[in-house]
């Protein structure tokens, strides 16, 4: 018996599929790409370069550690919930 979250997920998936147009699909693909591991690495590199320009070395290490930790946590959760 599916729970509320499953039912809501199916409803949203159906609604999104019904709204699908090439521009919306391209926009959602761009969002997905930005949030990929490569996208996050690129954003972290740009942010770290900005911090380096400000001579904030401690914050560079903090930013890199936070993003790496979040990526590892994300991978671990996906393994646990089989996604």
PDB file of N, CA and C in Angstrom:
ATOM      1  N   UNK A   1       0.846  -1.176   0.000  1.00  0.00           N
ATOM      2  CA  UNK A   1       0.000   0.000   0.000  1.00  0.00           C
ATOM      3  C   UNK A   1       0.895   1.244   0.000  1.00  0.00           C
ATOM      4  N   UNK A   2       0.806   2.060  -1.037  1.00  0.00           N
ATOM      5  CA  UNK A   2       1.661   3.254  -1.078  1.00  0.00           C
ATOM      6  C   UNK A   2       1.229   4.271  -0.023  1.00  0.00           C
ATOM      7  N   UNK A   3       2.225   4.939   0.525  1.00  0.00           N
ATOM      8  CA  UNK A   3       1.964   5.964   1.520  1.00  0.00           C
ATOM      9  C   UNK A   3       1.704   7.308   0.866  1.00  0.00           C
ATOM     10  N   UNK A   4       1.535   8.311   1.701  1.00  0.00           N
ATOM     11  CA  UNK A   4       1.252   9.659   1.216  1.00  0.00           C
ATOM     12  C   UNK A   4       2.357  10.171   0.300  1.00  0.00           C
ATOM     13  N   UNK A   5       3.605   9.948   0.689  1.00  0.00           N
ATOM     14  CA  UNK A   5       4.728  10.460  -0.101  1.00  0.00           C
ATOM     15  C   UNK A   5       4.747   9.799  -1.475  1.00  0.00           C
ATOM     16  N   UNK A   6       4.505   8.500  -1.520  1.00  0.00           N
ATOM     17  CA  UNK A   6       4.474   7.804  -2.809  1.00  0.00           C
ATOM     18  C   UNK A   6       3.352   8.332  -3.696  1.00  0.00           C
ATOM     19  N   UNK A   7       2.180   8.512  -3.122  1.00  0.00           N
ATOM     20  CA  UNK A   7       1.042   9.015  -3.895  1.00  0.00           C
ATOM     21  C   UNK A   7       1.319  10.434  -4.393  1.00  0.00           C
ATOM     22  N   UNK A   8       1.864  11.266  -3.519  1.00  0.00           N
ATOM     23  CA  UNK A   8       2.184  12.639  -3.910  1.00  0.00           C
ATOM     24  C   UNK A   8       3.227  12.644  -5.020  1.00  0.00           C
ATOM     25  N   UNK A   9       4.240  11.787  -4.894  1.00  0.00           N
ATOM     26  CA  UNK A   9       5.293  11.696  -5.900  1.00  0.00           C
ATOM     27  C   UNK A   9       4.711  11.295  -7.253  1.00  0.00           C
ATOM     28  N   UNK A  10       3.821  10.336  -7.262  1.00  0.00           N
ATOM     29  CA  UNK A  10       3.193   9.913  -8.517  1.00  0.00           C
ATOM     30  C   UNK A  10       2.344  11.025  -9.123  1.00  0.00           C
ATOM     31  N   UNK A  11       1.612  11.754  -8.280  1.00  0.00           N
ATOM     32  CA  UNK A  11       0.817  12.874  -8.770  1.00  0.00           C
ATOM     33  C   UNK A  11       1.706  13.958  -9.377  1.00  0.00           C
ATOM     34  N   UNK A  12       2.774  14.302  -8.682  1.00  0.00           N
ATOM     35  CA  UNK A  12       3.679  15.338  -9.188  1.00  0.00           C
ATOM     36  C   UNK A  12       4.357  14.895 -10.481  1.00  0.00           C
ATOM     37  N   UNK A  13       4.762  13.638 -10.544  1.00  0.00           N
ATOM     38  CA  UNK A  13       5.395  13.132 -11.761  1.00  0.00           C
ATOM     39  C   UNK A  13       4.431  13.210 -12.929  1.00  0.00           C
ATOM     40  N   UNK A  14       3.179  12.834 -12.701  1.00  0.00           N
ATOM     41  CA  UNK A  14       2.171  12.924 -13.762  1.00  0.00           C
ATOM     42  C   UNK A  14       1.930  14.352 -14.200  1.00  0.00           C
ATOM     43  N   UNK A  15       1.839  15.271 -13.226  1.00  0.00           N
ATOM     44  CA  UNK A  15       1.611  16.680 -13.554  1.00  0.00           C
ATOM     45  C   UNK A  15       2.789  17.245 -14.339  1.00  0.00           C
ATOM     46  N   UNK A  16       4.015  16.966 -13.874  1.00  0.00           N
ATOM     47  CA  UNK A  16       5.197  17.475 -14.571  1.00  0.00           C
ATOM     48  C   UNK A  16       5.275  16.929 -15.990  1.00  0.00           C
ATOM     49  N   UNK A  17       4.947  15.652 -16.158  1.00  0.00           N
ATOM     50  CA  UNK A  17       4.979  15.055 -17.494  1.00  0.00           C
ATOM     51  C   UNK A  17       3.957  15.732 -18.406  1.00  0.00           C
ATOM     52  N   UNK A  18       2.778  16.062 -17.860  1.00  0.00           N
ATOM     53  CA  UNK A  18       1.747  16.730 -18.651  1.00  0.00           C
ATOM     54  C   UNK A  18       2.165  18.143 -19.047  1.00  0.00           C
ATOM     55  N   UNK A  19       3.000  18.794 -18.240  1.00  0.00           N
ATOM     56  CA  UNK A  19       3.440  20.164 -18.517  1.00  0.00           C
ATOM     57  C   UNK A  19       4.689  20.230 -19.393  1.00  0.00           C
ATOM     58  N   UNK A  20       5.236  19.092 -19.718  1.00  0.00           N
ATOM     59  CA  UNK A  20       6.537  19.044 -20.400  1.00  0.00           C
ATOM     60  C   UNK A  20       6.492  19.736 -21.760  1.00  0.00           C
ATOM     61  N   UNK A  21       7.386  20.675 -21.922  1.00  0.00           N
ATOM     62  CA  UNK A  21       7.626  21.336 -23.213  1.00  0.00           C
ATOM     63  C   UNK A  21       9.142  21.405 -23.370  1.00  0.00           C
ATOM     64  N   UNK A  22       9.630  21.556 -24.586  1.00  0.00           N
ATOM     65  CA  UNK A  22      11.089  21.626 -24.752  1.00  0.00           C
ATOM     66  C   UNK A  22      11.768  22.714 -23.915  1.00  0.00           C
ATOM     67  N   UNK A  23      11.231  23.931 -23.802  1.00  0.00           N
ATOM     68  CA  UNK A  23      11.909  24.929 -22.961  1.00  0.00           C
ATOM     69  C   UNK A  23      11.940  24.539 -21.476  1.00  0.00           C
ATOM     70  N   UNK A  24      10.840  23.988 -20.985  1.00  0.00           N
ATOM     71  CA  UNK A  24      10.810  23.571 -19.578  1.00  0.00           C
ATOM     72  C   UNK A  24      11.776  22.420 -19.354  1.00  0.00           C
ATOM     73  N   UNK A  25      11.798  21.477 -20.286  1.00  0.00           N
ATOM     74  CA  UNK A  25      12.716  20.346 -20.166  1.00  0.00           C
ATOM     75  C   UNK A  25      14.169  20.831 -20.170  1.00  0.00           C
ATOM     76  N   UNK A  26      14.475  21.800 -21.037  1.00  0.00           N
ATOM     77  CA  UNK A  26      15.837  22.343 -21.094  1.00  0.00           C
ATOM     78  C   UNK A  26      16.193  23.053 -19.794  1.00  0.00           C
ATOM     79  N   UNK A  27      15.245  23.802 -19.245  1.00  0.00           N
ATOM     80  CA  UNK A  27      15.478  24.498 -17.975  1.00  0.00           C
ATOM     81  C   UNK A  27      15.739  23.497 -16.850  1.00  0.00           C
ATOM     82  N   UNK A  28      14.904  22.470 -16.745  1.00  0.00           N
ATOM     83  CA  UNK A  28      15.076  21.472 -15.697  1.00  0.00           C
ATOM     84  C   UNK A  28      16.368  20.690 -15.881  1.00  0.00           C
ATOM     85  N   UNK A  29      16.756  20.430 -17.126  1.00  0.00           N
ATOM     86  CA  UNK A  29      18.027  19.750 -17.374  1.00  0.00           C
ATOM     87  C   UNK A  29      19.199  20.631 -16.932  1.00  0.00           C
ATOM     88  N   UNK A  30      19.094  21.940 -17.171  1.00  0.00           N
ATOM     89  CA  UNK A  30      20.156  22.865 -16.732  1.00  0.00           C
ATOM     90  C   UNK A  30      20.269  22.872 -15.207  1.00  0.00           C
ATOM     91  N   UNK A  31      19.138  22.865 -14.511  1.00  0.00           N
ATOM     92  CA  UNK A  31      19.150  22.810 -13.046  1.00  0.00           C
ATOM     93  C   UNK A  31      19.812  21.517 -12.579  1.00  0.00           C
ATOM     94  N   UNK A  32      19.449  20.405 -13.220  1.00  0.00           N
ATOM     95  CA  UNK A  32      20.031  19.111 -12.865  1.00  0.00           C
ATOM     96  C   UNK A  32      21.540  19.115 -13.092  1.00  0.00           C
ATOM     97  N   UNK A  33      21.974  19.678 -14.205  1.00  0.00           N
ATOM     98  CA  UNK A  33      23.397  19.726 -14.524  1.00  0.00           C
ATOM     99  C   UNK A  33      24.161  20.586 -13.518  1.00  0.00           C
ATOM    100  N   UNK A  34      23.581  21.716 -13.134  1.00  0.00           N
ATOM    101  CA  UNK A  34      24.235  22.579 -12.149  1.00  0.00           C
ATOM    102  C   UNK A  34      24.417  21.864 -10.814  1.00  0.00           C
ATOM    103  N   UNK A  35      23.495  20.991 -10.489  1.00  0.00           N
ATOM    104  CA  UNK A  35      23.551  20.295  -9.209  1.00  0.00           C
ATOM    105  C   UNK A  35      24.209  18.928  -9.301  1.00  0.00           C
ATOM    106  N   UNK A  36      24.867  18.649 -10.417  1.00  0.00           N
ATOM    107  CA  UNK A  36      25.619  17.402 -10.537  1.00  0.00           C
ATOM    108  C   UNK A  36      26.942  17.556  -9.793  1.00  0.00           C
ATOM    109  N   UNK A  37      27.655  16.458  -9.666  1.00  0.00           N
ATOM    110  CA  UNK A  37      28.950  16.512  -8.985  1.00  0.00           C
ATOM    111  C   UNK A  37      29.902  17.459  -9.711  1.00  0.00           C
ATOM    112  N   UNK A  38      29.899  17.413 -11.029  1.00  0.00           N
ATOM    113  CA  UNK A  38      30.765  18.310 -11.805  1.00  0.00           C
ATOM    114  C   UNK A  38      30.340  19.772 -11.628  1.00  0.00           C
ATOM    115  N   UNK A  39      29.045  20.017 -11.612  1.00  0.00           N
ATOM    116  CA  UNK A  39      28.547  21.381 -11.415  1.00  0.00           C
ATOM    117  C   UNK A  39      28.905  21.919 -10.043  1.00  0.00           C
ATOM    118  N   UNK A  40      28.735  21.084  -9.030  1.00  0.00           N
ATOM    119  CA  UNK A  40      29.092  21.514  -7.676  1.00  0.00           C
ATOM    120  C   UNK A  40      30.594  21.752  -7.546  1.00  0.00           C
ATOM    121  N   UNK A  41      31.387  20.908  -8.209  1.00  0.00           N
ATOM    122  CA  UNK A  41      32.840  21.102  -8.175  1.00  0.00           C
ATOM    123  C   UNK A  41      33.214  22.428  -8.840  1.00  0.00           C
ATOM    124  N   UNK A  42      32.572  22.736  -9.956  1.00  0.00           N
ATOM    125  CA  UNK A  42      32.853  23.996 -10.652  1.00  0.00           C
ATOM    126  C   UNK A  42      32.455  25.200  -9.800  1.00  0.00           C
ATOM    127  N   UNK A  43      31.270  25.129  -9.186  1.00  0.00           N
ATOM    128  CA  UNK A  43      30.835  26.241  -8.334  1.00  0.00           C
ATOM    129  C   UNK A  43      31.748  26.394  -7.120  1.00  0.00           C
ATOM    130  N   UNK A  44      32.198  25.272  -6.573  1.00  0.00           N
ATOM    131  CA  UNK A  44      33.114  25.322  -5.435  1.00  0.00           C
ATOM    132  C   UNK A  44      34.450  25.930  -5.847  1.00  0.00           C
ATOM    133  N   UNK A  45      34.920  25.597  -7.047  1.00  0.00           N
ATOM    134  CA  UNK A  45      36.179  26.161  -7.542  1.00  0.00           C
ATOM    135  C   UNK A  45      36.064  27.676  -7.715  1.00  0.00           C
ATOM    136  N   UNK A  46      34.946  28.129  -8.275  1.00  0.00           N
ATOM    137  CA  UNK A  46      34.744  29.573  -8.469  1.00  0.00           C
ATOM    138  C   UNK A  46      34.663  30.278  -7.118  1.00  0.00           C
ATOM    139  N   UNK A  47      33.912  29.688  -6.191  1.00  0.00           N
ATOM    140  CA  UNK A  47      33.786  30.278  -4.856  1.00  0.00           C
ATOM    141  C   UNK A  47      35.131  30.292  -4.138  1.00  0.00           C
ATOM    142  N   UNK A  48      35.887  29.215  -4.281  1.00  0.00           N
ATOM    143  CA  UNK A  48      37.207  29.148  -3.651  1.00  0.00           C
ATOM    144  C   UNK A  48      38.165  30.176  -4.249  1.00  0.00           C
ATOM    145  N   UNK A  49      38.063  30.383  -5.550  1.00  0.00           N
ATOM    146  CA  UNK A  49      38.900  31.408  -6.190  1.00  0.00           C
ATOM    147  C   UNK A  49      38.552  32.794  -5.652  1.00  0.00           C
ATOM    148  N   UNK A  50      37.266  33.038  -5.460  1.00  0.00           N
ATOM    149  CA  UNK A  50      36.835  34.323  -4.893  1.00  0.00           C
ATOM    150  C   UNK A  50      37.361  34.481  -3.469  1.00  0.00           C
ATOM    151  N   UNK A  51      37.278  33.398  -2.688  1.00  0.00           N
ATOM    152  CA  UNK A  51      37.814  33.453  -1.325  1.00  0.00           C
ATOM    153  C   UNK A  51      39.340  33.642  -1.329  1.00  0.00           C
ATOM    154  N   UNK A  52      40.018  33.026  -2.285  1.00  0.00           N
ATOM    155  CA  UNK A  52      41.468  33.190  -2.391  1.00  0.00           C
ATOM    156  C   UNK A  52      41.809  34.649  -2.703  1.00  0.00           C
ATOM    157  N   UNK A  53      41.006  35.259  -3.554  1.00  0.00           N
ATOM    158  CA  UNK A  53      41.230  36.674  -3.872  1.00  0.00           C
ATOM    159  C   UNK A  53      41.076  37.543  -2.626  1.00  0.00           C
ATOM    160  N   UNK A  54      40.185  37.128  -1.731  1.00  0.00           N
ATOM    161  CA  UNK A  54      39.989  37.853  -0.466  1.00  0.00           C
ATOM    162  C   UNK A  54      40.977  37.416   0.615  1.00  0.00           C
ATOM    163  N   UNK A  55      41.844  36.462   0.264  1.00  0.00           N
ATOM    164  CA  UNK A  55      42.852  35.907   1.183  1.00  0.00           C
ATOM    165  C   UNK A  55      42.205  35.250   2.413  1.00  0.00           C
ATOM    166  N   UNK A  56      41.142  34.520   2.164  1.00  0.00           N
ATOM    167  CA  UNK A  56      40.424  33.823   3.233  1.00  0.00           C
ATOM    168  C   UNK A  56      40.704  32.326   3.148  1.00  0.00           C
ATOM    169  N   UNK A  57      41.935  31.947   3.445  1.00  0.00           N
ATOM    170  CA  UNK A  57      42.351  30.545   3.285  1.00  0.00           C
ATOM    171  C   UNK A  57      41.571  29.582   4.161  1.00  0.00           C
ATOM    172  N   UNK A  58      41.274  29.969   5.375  1.00  0.00           N
ATOM    173  CA  UNK A  58      40.519  29.078   6.267  1.00  0.00           C
ATOM    174  C   UNK A  58      39.128  28.799   5.697  1.00  0.00           C
ATOM    175  N   UNK A  59      38.522  29.811   5.099  1.00  0.00           N
ATOM    176  CA  UNK A  59      37.196  29.619   4.524  1.00  0.00           C
ATOM    177  C   UNK A  59      37.241  28.757   3.274  1.00  0.00           C
ATOM    178  N   UNK A  60      38.349  28.784   2.551  1.00  0.00           N
ATOM    179  CA  UNK A  60      38.492  27.908   1.377  1.00  0.00           C
ATOM    180  C   UNK A  60      38.446  26.454   1.838  1.00  0.00           C
ATOM    181  N   UNK A  61      39.232  26.139   2.858  1.00  0.00           N
ATOM    182  CA  UNK A  61      39.237  24.772   3.374  1.00  0.00           C
ATOM    183  C   UNK A  61      37.865  24.381   3.902  1.00  0.00           C
ATOM    184  N   UNK A  62      37.191  25.300   4.569  1.00  0.00           N
ATOM    185  CA  UNK A  62      35.862  25.023   5.094  1.00  0.00           C
ATOM    186  C   UNK A  62      34.874  24.753   3.978  1.00  0.00           C
ATOM    187  N   UNK A  63      34.909  25.567   2.930  1.00  0.00           N
ATOM    188  CA  UNK A  63      33.992  25.392   1.801  1.00  0.00           C
ATOM    189  C   UNK A  63      34.226  24.054   1.109  1.00  0.00           C
ATOM    190  N   UNK A  64      35.475  23.722   0.867  1.00  0.00           N
ATOM    191  CA  UNK A  64      35.793  22.455   0.204  1.00  0.00           C
ATOM    192  C   UNK A  64      35.375  21.274   1.070  1.00  0.00           C
ATOM    193  N   UNK A  65      35.653  21.348   2.357  1.00  0.00           N
ATOM    194  CA  UNK A  65      35.263  20.265   3.270  1.00  0.00           C
ATOM    195  C   UNK A  65      33.741  20.123   3.340  1.00  0.00           C
ATOM    196  N   UNK A  66      33.030  21.233   3.364  1.00  0.00           N
ATOM    197  CA  UNK A  66      31.568  21.187   3.437  1.00  0.00           C
ATOM    198  C   UNK A  66      30.971  20.566   2.180  1.00  0.00           C
ATOM    199  N   UNK A  67      31.459  20.966   1.020  1.00  0.00           N
ATOM    200  CA  UNK A  67      30.922  20.429  -0.230  1.00  0.00           C
ATOM    201  C   UNK A  67      31.280  18.955  -0.371  1.00  0.00           C
ATOM    202  N   UNK A  68      32.505  18.588  -0.020  1.00  0.00           N
ATOM    203  CA  UNK A  68      32.905  17.180  -0.094  1.00  0.00           C
ATOM    204  C   UNK A  68      32.086  16.337   0.881  1.00  0.00           C
ATOM    205  N   UNK A  69      31.885  16.838   2.078  1.00  0.00           N
ATOM    206  CA  UNK A  69      31.079  16.119   3.059  1.00  0.00           C
ATOM    207  C   UNK A  69      29.638  15.962   2.603  1.00  0.00           C
ATOM    208  N   UNK A  70      29.085  17.006   2.021  1.00  0.00           N
ATOM    209  CA  UNK A  70      27.711  16.937   1.520  1.00  0.00           C
ATOM    210  C   UNK A  70      27.601  15.931   0.373  1.00  0.00           C
ATOM    211  N   UNK A  71      28.599  15.883  -0.498  1.00  0.00           N
ATOM    212  CA  UNK A  71      28.585  14.927  -1.609  1.00  0.00           C
ATOM    213  C   UNK A  71      28.672  13.495  -1.089  1.00  0.00           C
ATOM    214  N   UNK A  72      29.507  13.271  -0.085  1.00  0.00           N
ATOM    215  CA  UNK A  72      29.607  11.935   0.512  1.00  0.00           C
ATOM    216  C   UNK A  72      28.310  11.544   1.220  1.00  0.00           C
ATOM    217  N   UNK A  73      27.720  12.469   1.945  1.00  0.00           N
ATOM    218  CA  UNK A  73      26.453  12.203   2.610  1.00  0.00           C
ATOM    219  C   UNK A  73      25.358  11.898   1.595  1.00  0.00           C
ATOM    220  N   UNK A  74      25.324  12.645   0.511  1.00  0.00           N
ATOM    221  CA  UNK A  74      24.360  12.422  -0.555  1.00  0.00           C
ATOM    222  C   UNK A  74      24.516  11.014  -1.138  1.00  0.00           C
ATOM    223  N   UNK A  75      25.750  10.607  -1.399  1.00  0.00           N
ATOM    224  CA  UNK A  75      26.008   9.263  -1.936  1.00  0.00           C
ATOM    225  C   UNK A  75      25.592   8.188  -0.947  1.00  0.00           C
ATOM    226  N   UNK A  76      25.867   8.416   0.331  1.00  0.00           N
ATOM    227  CA  UNK A  76      25.502   7.430   1.353  1.00  0.00           C
ATOM    228  C   UNK A  76      23.992   7.283   1.468  1.00  0.00           C
ATOM    229  N   UNK A  77      23.283   8.392   1.452  1.00  0.00           N
ATOM    230  CA  UNK A  77      21.812   8.336   1.547  1.00  0.00           C
ATOM    231  C   UNK A  77      21.247   7.627   0.319  1.00  0.00           C
ATOM    232  N   UNK A  78      21.793   7.891  -0.855  1.00  0.00           N
ATOM    233  CA  UNK A  78      21.300   7.206  -2.063  1.00  0.00           C
ATOM    234  C   UNK A  78      21.520   5.712  -1.971  1.00  0.00           C
ATOM    235  N   UNK A  79      22.620   5.291  -1.373  1.00  0.00           N
ATOM    236  CA  UNK A  79      22.849   3.859  -1.183  1.00  0.00           C
ATOM    237  C   UNK A  79      21.840   3.251  -0.216  1.00  0.00           C
ATOM    238  N   UNK A  80      21.539   3.985   0.839  1.00  0.00           N
ATOM    239  CA  UNK A  80      20.616   3.481   1.856  1.00  0.00           C
ATOM    240  C   UNK A  80      19.191   3.383   1.306  1.00  0.00           C
ATOM    241  N   UNK A  81      18.746   4.394   0.566  1.00  0.00           N
ATOM    242  CA  UNK A  81      17.362   4.390   0.065  1.00  0.00           C
ATOM    243  C   UNK A  81      17.266   3.829  -1.350  1.00  0.00           C
ATOM    244  N   UNK A  82      18.342   3.327  -1.878  1.00  0.00           N
ATOM    245  CA  UNK A  82      18.373   2.674  -3.202  1.00  0.00           C
ATOM    246  C   UNK A  82      17.907   3.589  -4.323  1.00  0.00           C
ATOM    247  N   UNK A  83      18.490   4.780  -4.371  1.00  0.00           N
ATOM    248  CA  UNK A  83      18.187   5.713  -5.457  1.00  0.00           C
ATOM    249  C   UNK A  83      19.407   5.959  -6.265  1.00  0.00           C
TER     250      UNK A  83
END
